[in-house]
Amino acid sequence: MIEVITDLEAMRDVSKRVRDAGQTIGFVPTMGYLHSGHQSLILQAAAENDFPVLSIFVNPTQFAPDEDYETYPRDLARDSALAEAAGCRLIFAPPPQAIYPLDYSTYIEVTGVSALYCGKSRPTHFRGVTTIVAKLLNIVSPDRAYFGQKDAQQAFIIQKMVRELNMDVQIVVLPIVREADGLAMSSRNTYLSPEQRKAARVLHRALLQGRELFRGGLVKPDELKRAMVELIQAEPLARIDYVELVEPETFTPARSGTDPMLALLAVYVGQTRLIDNLLFSIGE
């Protein structure tokens, strides 16, 4: 059975032993309730490293007071079985008080891009993300850390943080894993009713339509956004948070004719906020 460690110093000790043995550590940070997307990260970590480690920590500092921290799905036994099946060697699952003691007051923030897109509607979210990722990287000391492209803005911000703070770790971003109907896999998909789950397919449909229009010669971001917005608004259960087109290397707004463009969107289906993205490129 896979080993689960909750103590920070015990995790440090394991990492030191692995490194002293000349082995590499691949790390997949998660909030648990694993799905096939998480498993794809673990599989890659296992393929590229000697010792793949998964963390499970529902991070309170990336949730606003009115968000779903208390109700976020948690099932360590289920997660342990899925992680082990994907080749994980160890799970690090620290308690909140070990990560954030009562007098905790230190945060890491990547300014600028953290206030855009998802940061507009969730203003403290990315500060919580960068803080917990930095702490976990310090504790686990991996050679490589693996993230999914579904959280494209998050991956961009983490890469920027690691580069600018001169952290000695390689960040690997892997493609989105989707359901058969195109919906990006997410732990929050479990919140959707059957009717909402069907409606949620509109996110991927809008992205695919935008990409086809782009490939067909419609290269003005405002016109592409308008087409995607109209398609999403035609779904009665969907409510748009944002639809944006950015330059993937900078996350600044895309200009007319930019190739490639990254389409980002966040949409509420019922009370569940879903995100997705897709690269628009003429050359693909």
Protein backbone atom coordinates (compact mmCIF):
# COMPACT_ATOMS: atom_id res chain seq x y z
CA MET A 1 0.00 0.00 0.00
CA ILE A 2 1.24 3.49 -0.86
CA GLU A 3 2.88 5.43 1.95
CA VAL A 4 1.15 8.60 3.19
CA ILE A 5 3.22 11.17 5.08
CA THR A 6 1.64 14.06 6.97
CA ASP A 7 4.67 15.44 8.82
CA LEU A 8 6.79 18.12 7.12
CA GLU A 9 10.11 16.97 8.56
CA ALA A 10 9.38 13.36 7.64
CA MET A 11 8.79 14.48 4.06
CA ARG A 12 12.07 16.40 4.08
CA ASP A 13 13.87 13.30 5.38
CA VAL A 14 12.48 11.13 2.58
CA SER A 15 13.49 13.68 -0.05
CA LYS A 16 17.01 13.86 1.39
CA ARG A 17 17.39 10.07 1.34
CA VAL A 18 16.21 9.91 -2.27
CA ARG A 19 18.58 12.67 -3.34
CA ASP A 20 21.50 11.17 -1.37
CA ALA A 21 20.91 7.94 -3.27
CA GLY A 22 21.37 9.86 -6.54
CA GLN A 23 17.73 9.56 -7.54
CA THR A 24 15.43 12.21 -8.99
CA ILE A 25 12.09 13.33 -7.54
CA GLY A 26 9.05 14.12 -9.67
CA PHE A 27 6.34 16.05 -7.85
CA VAL A 28 2.63 16.48 -8.59
CA PRO A 29 0.92 19.01 -6.29
CA THR A 30 -2.88 18.55 -6.09
CA MET A 31 -5.88 19.32 -3.93
CA GLY A 32 -6.96 15.70 -4.18
CA TYR A 33 -10.12 14.06 -5.49
CA LEU A 34 -8.03 12.75 -8.34
CA HIS A 35 -9.20 12.12 -11.88
CA SER A 36 -7.54 10.99 -15.11
CA GLY A 37 -5.95 14.40 -15.59
CA HIS A 38 -4.09 14.05 -12.30
CA GLN A 39 -3.14 10.50 -13.18
CA SER A 40 -1.61 11.68 -16.46
CA LEU A 41 0.67 13.98 -14.45
CA ILE A 42 1.66 11.15 -12.11
CA LEU A 43 2.37 8.84 -15.05
CA GLN A 44 4.67 11.45 -16.60
CA ALA A 45 6.38 12.08 -13.28
CA ALA A 46 6.95 8.33 -12.90
CA ALA A 47 8.30 8.06 -16.45
CA GLU A 48 10.80 10.89 -16.04
CA ASN A 49 11.91 10.44 -12.42
CA ASP A 50 13.01 7.73 -10.02
CA PHE A 51 10.70 8.75 -7.20
CA PRO A 52 7.28 10.26 -8.02
CA VAL A 53 5.57 12.11 -5.14
CA LEU A 54 2.01 13.44 -4.97
CA SER A 55 0.79 16.05 -2.52
CA ILE A 56 -2.85 16.34 -1.44
CA PHE A 57 -3.65 19.59 0.28
CA VAL A 58 -6.86 21.58 -0.03
CA ASN A 59 -5.26 24.99 0.27
CA PRO A 60 -7.40 27.43 2.28
CA THR A 61 -5.53 30.55 1.15
CA GLN A 62 -6.62 30.19 -2.48
CA PHE A 63 -10.32 30.18 -1.58
CA ALA A 64 -12.35 33.33 -0.98
CA PRO A 65 -14.68 33.28 2.07
CA ASP A 66 -17.74 32.61 -0.13
CA GLU A 67 -16.11 29.78 -2.11
CA ASP A 68 -16.19 26.01 -1.66
CA TYR A 69 -13.26 25.32 0.68
CA GLU A 70 -15.39 23.44 3.23
CA THR A 71 -17.30 21.44 0.63
CA TYR A 72 -14.40 20.74 -1.76
CA PRO A 73 -14.43 16.94 -2.34
CA ARG A 74 -12.02 14.96 -0.19
CA ASP A 75 -11.38 11.20 -0.23
CA LEU A 76 -7.85 10.16 0.74
CA ALA A 77 -8.50 6.41 0.43
CA ARG A 78 -9.83 6.80 -3.10
CA ASP A 79 -6.98 9.13 -4.04
CA SER A 80 -4.38 6.77 -2.62
CA ALA A 81 -5.62 3.92 -4.82
CA LEU A 82 -5.66 6.08 -7.96
CA ALA A 83 -2.22 7.54 -7.24
CA GLU A 84 -0.69 4.12 -6.63
CA ALA A 85 -2.22 2.76 -9.84
CA ALA A 86 -0.53 5.58 -11.78
CA GLY A 87 2.88 4.77 -10.29
CA CYS A 88 3.11 7.21 -7.38
CA ARG A 89 5.51 6.15 -4.63
CA LEU A 90 4.43 8.47 -1.81
CA ILE A 91 1.65 10.90 -0.88
CA PHE A 92 2.38 14.00 1.16
CA ALA A 93 -0.84 15.13 2.87
CA PRO A 94 -0.02 17.70 5.57
CA PRO A 95 -2.72 19.12 7.88
CA PRO A 96 -3.60 22.82 7.37
CA GLN A 97 -2.13 23.85 10.74
CA ALA A 98 1.27 22.46 9.75
CA ILE A 99 1.35 24.62 6.62
CA TYR A 100 -0.34 27.69 8.10
CA PRO A 101 0.20 28.03 11.86
CA LEU A 102 -1.98 30.53 13.72
CA ASP A 103 0.54 33.38 13.43
CA TYR A 104 1.23 32.81 9.71
CA SER A 105 1.80 36.04 7.75
CA THR A 106 4.14 35.37 4.79
CA TYR A 107 2.86 35.26 1.21
CA ILE A 108 4.30 35.21 -2.30
CA GLU A 109 2.60 37.19 -5.04
CA VAL A 110 3.38 37.48 -8.74
CA THR A 111 2.10 40.96 -9.46
CA GLY A 112 0.46 42.09 -12.68
CA VAL A 113 -0.79 38.92 -14.33
CA SER A 114 -2.27 37.63 -11.04
CA ALA A 115 -4.82 40.47 -11.15
CA LEU A 116 -6.07 39.56 -14.63
CA TYR A 117 -8.58 37.01 -15.95
CA CYS A 118 -9.26 34.58 -13.07
CA GLY A 119 -7.60 37.09 -10.76
CA LYS A 120 -10.32 39.66 -11.44
CA SER A 121 -13.09 37.58 -9.95
CA ARG A 122 -10.83 35.81 -7.44
CA PRO A 123 -8.48 38.57 -6.27
CA THR A 124 -6.66 36.57 -3.56
CA HIS A 125 -6.59 33.28 -5.43
CA PHE A 126 -3.20 33.36 -7.11
CA ARG A 127 -1.44 34.71 -4.03
CA GLY A 128 -2.65 31.58 -2.27
CA VAL A 129 -1.56 29.38 -5.16
CA THR A 130 1.96 30.77 -5.43
CA THR A 131 2.43 30.68 -1.68
CA ILE A 132 1.42 27.04 -1.29
CA VAL A 133 3.35 25.91 -4.38
CA ALA A 134 6.50 27.66 -3.14
CA LYS A 135 6.10 26.05 0.29
CA LEU A 136 5.54 22.58 -1.17
CA LEU A 137 8.53 22.94 -3.50
CA ASN A 138 10.67 23.92 -0.51
CA ILE A 139 9.50 20.92 1.51
CA VAL A 140 9.57 18.24 -1.21
CA SER A 141 12.65 19.57 -3.08
CA PRO A 142 11.77 17.94 -6.40
CA ASP A 143 13.78 17.97 -9.60
CA ARG A 144 10.61 18.42 -11.65
CA ALA A 145 7.07 19.51 -10.77
CA TYR A 146 4.06 18.75 -12.99
CA PHE A 147 1.01 20.89 -13.71
CA GLY A 148 -1.91 20.70 -16.13
CA GLN A 149 -2.59 23.10 -18.98
CA LYS A 150 -6.26 23.36 -17.93
CA ASP A 151 -5.15 25.90 -15.34
CA ALA A 152 -3.18 27.83 -17.97
CA GLN A 153 -2.93 31.10 -16.07
CA GLN A 154 -1.86 29.28 -12.94
CA ALA A 155 0.84 27.37 -14.84
CA PHE A 156 2.11 30.60 -16.39
CA ILE A 157 2.26 32.33 -12.99
CA ILE A 158 4.05 29.39 -11.35
CA GLN A 159 6.62 29.26 -14.15
CA LYS A 160 7.19 33.00 -13.74
CA MET A 161 7.56 32.68 -9.96
CA VAL A 162 10.06 29.81 -10.26
CA ARG A 163 12.10 31.68 -12.86
CA GLU A 164 12.15 35.01 -11.04
CA LEU A 165 12.92 33.50 -7.62
CA ASN A 166 15.69 31.33 -9.11
CA MET A 167 14.14 28.12 -7.80
CA ASP A 168 16.05 24.97 -8.71
CA VAL A 169 13.16 23.00 -10.18
CA GLN A 170 11.88 22.32 -13.68
CA ILE A 171 8.18 23.07 -14.22
CA VAL A 172 6.51 20.68 -16.67
CA VAL A 173 3.08 21.60 -18.08
CA LEU A 174 1.10 18.78 -19.69
CA PRO A 175 -1.92 18.92 -22.05
CA ILE A 176 -5.51 19.08 -20.87
CA VAL A 177 -7.19 15.71 -20.35
CA ARG A 178 -10.82 15.78 -21.48
CA GLU A 179 -13.94 13.69 -21.14
CA ALA A 180 -15.21 11.95 -24.28
CA ASP A 181 -17.50 14.92 -25.02
CA GLY A 182 -14.70 17.46 -24.66
CA LEU A 183 -15.31 18.78 -21.14
CA ALA A 184 -12.00 19.41 -19.39
CA MET A 185 -11.58 17.09 -16.43
CA SER A 186 -11.91 18.83 -13.06
CA SER A 187 -12.66 17.78 -9.51
CA ARG A 188 -15.46 20.39 -9.53
CA ASN A 189 -17.26 18.54 -12.34
CA THR A 190 -18.72 16.38 -9.57
CA TYR A 191 -20.81 19.38 -8.49
CA LEU A 192 -22.77 19.35 -11.77
CA SER A 193 -26.24 17.85 -12.02
CA PRO A 194 -26.91 15.69 -15.11
CA GLU A 195 -28.58 18.65 -16.83
CA GLN A 196 -25.71 20.98 -15.92
CA ARG A 197 -23.16 18.40 -16.99
CA LYS A 198 -24.75 18.34 -20.44
CA ALA A 199 -24.81 22.14 -20.57
CA ALA A 200 -21.12 22.34 -19.59
CA ARG A 201 -20.13 21.00 -23.00
CA VAL A 202 -20.72 24.51 -24.32
CA LEU A 203 -17.27 25.57 -23.06
CA HIS A 204 -15.42 23.24 -25.38
CA ARG A 205 -17.81 23.90 -28.25
CA ALA A 206 -17.14 27.63 -27.98
CA LEU A 207 -13.38 27.07 -28.00
CA LEU A 208 -13.57 24.78 -31.01
CA GLN A 209 -15.73 27.27 -32.88
CA GLY A 210 -13.30 30.07 -32.10
CA ARG A 211 -10.38 28.01 -33.35
CA GLU A 212 -12.14 27.17 -36.61
CA LEU A 213 -13.01 30.82 -37.19
CA PHE A 214 -9.39 31.76 -36.52
CA ARG A 215 -8.09 29.16 -38.95
CA GLY A 216 -10.63 30.42 -41.47
CA GLY A 217 -9.15 33.89 -41.39
CA LEU A 218 -11.01 35.68 -38.58
CA VAL A 219 -8.00 37.03 -36.68
CA LYS A 220 -9.47 40.02 -34.81
CA PRO A 221 -9.65 39.14 -31.08
CA ASP A 222 -12.83 41.17 -30.45
CA GLU A 223 -14.69 39.40 -33.25
CA LEU A 224 -13.51 35.98 -32.11
CA LYS A 225 -14.54 36.75 -28.52
CA ARG A 226 -17.95 37.95 -29.70
CA ALA A 227 -18.57 34.69 -31.56
CA MET A 228 -17.62 32.57 -28.55
CA VAL A 229 -19.66 34.71 -26.17
CA GLU A 230 -22.75 34.41 -28.37
CA LEU A 231 -22.48 30.63 -28.46
CA ILE A 232 -22.10 30.38 -24.68
CA GLN A 233 -24.92 32.83 -24.01
CA ALA A 234 -27.24 30.63 -26.07
CA GLU A 235 -26.95 28.00 -23.29
CA PRO A 236 -29.51 28.96 -20.60
CA LEU A 237 -27.60 27.31 -17.74
CA ALA A 238 -24.31 29.06 -18.54
CA ARG A 239 -23.19 32.45 -17.19
CA ILE A 240 -19.91 33.93 -18.45
CA ASP A 241 -17.25 35.17 -16.05
CA TYR A 242 -14.82 36.03 -18.85
CA VAL A 243 -13.76 35.14 -22.38
CA GLU A 244 -10.30 36.41 -23.34
CA LEU A 245 -7.64 35.95 -26.00
CA VAL A 246 -4.01 36.34 -24.95
CA GLU A 247 -0.52 35.89 -26.30
CA PRO A 248 0.61 32.57 -24.75
CA GLU A 249 4.18 33.69 -24.07
CA THR A 250 3.20 36.82 -22.12
CA PHE A 251 -0.48 36.48 -21.17
CA THR A 252 -1.02 40.00 -22.45
CA PRO A 253 -4.11 40.67 -24.62
CA ALA A 254 -3.72 39.26 -28.12
CA ARG A 255 -3.48 41.70 -31.01
CA SER A 256 -5.22 41.35 -34.34
CA GLY A 257 -3.41 38.79 -36.45
CA THR A 258 -1.36 37.35 -33.57
CA ASP A 259 -0.43 33.74 -34.24
CA PRO A 260 -0.82 31.86 -32.01
CA MET A 261 -3.51 33.10 -29.59
CA LEU A 262 -4.57 31.35 -26.40
CA ALA A 263 -8.30 31.48 -25.73
CA LEU A 264 -9.18 31.52 -22.03
CA LEU A 265 -12.64 31.28 -20.57
CA ALA A 266 -14.38 30.91 -17.23
CA VAL A 267 -18.08 30.08 -17.15
CA TYR A 268 -20.52 29.35 -14.37
CA VAL A 269 -22.81 26.40 -15.03
CA GLY A 270 -25.33 26.62 -12.25
CA GLN A 271 -23.21 27.56 -9.24
CA THR A 272 -20.10 25.74 -10.50
CA ARG A 273 -17.32 27.82 -12.03
CA LEU A 274 -15.52 25.97 -14.83
CA ILE A 275 -12.42 27.06 -16.74
CA ASP A 276 -10.95 25.93 -20.03
CA ASN A 277 -8.56 27.11 -22.74
CA LEU A 278 -7.42 26.26 -26.23
CA LEU A 279 -4.56 27.39 -28.44
CA PHE A 280 -5.56 29.00 -31.73
CA SER A 281 -2.86 28.56 -34.36
CA ILE A 282 -2.97 28.76 -38.12
CA GLY A 283 -0.11 26.32 -38.43
CA GLU A 284 -1.77 23.43 -36.57
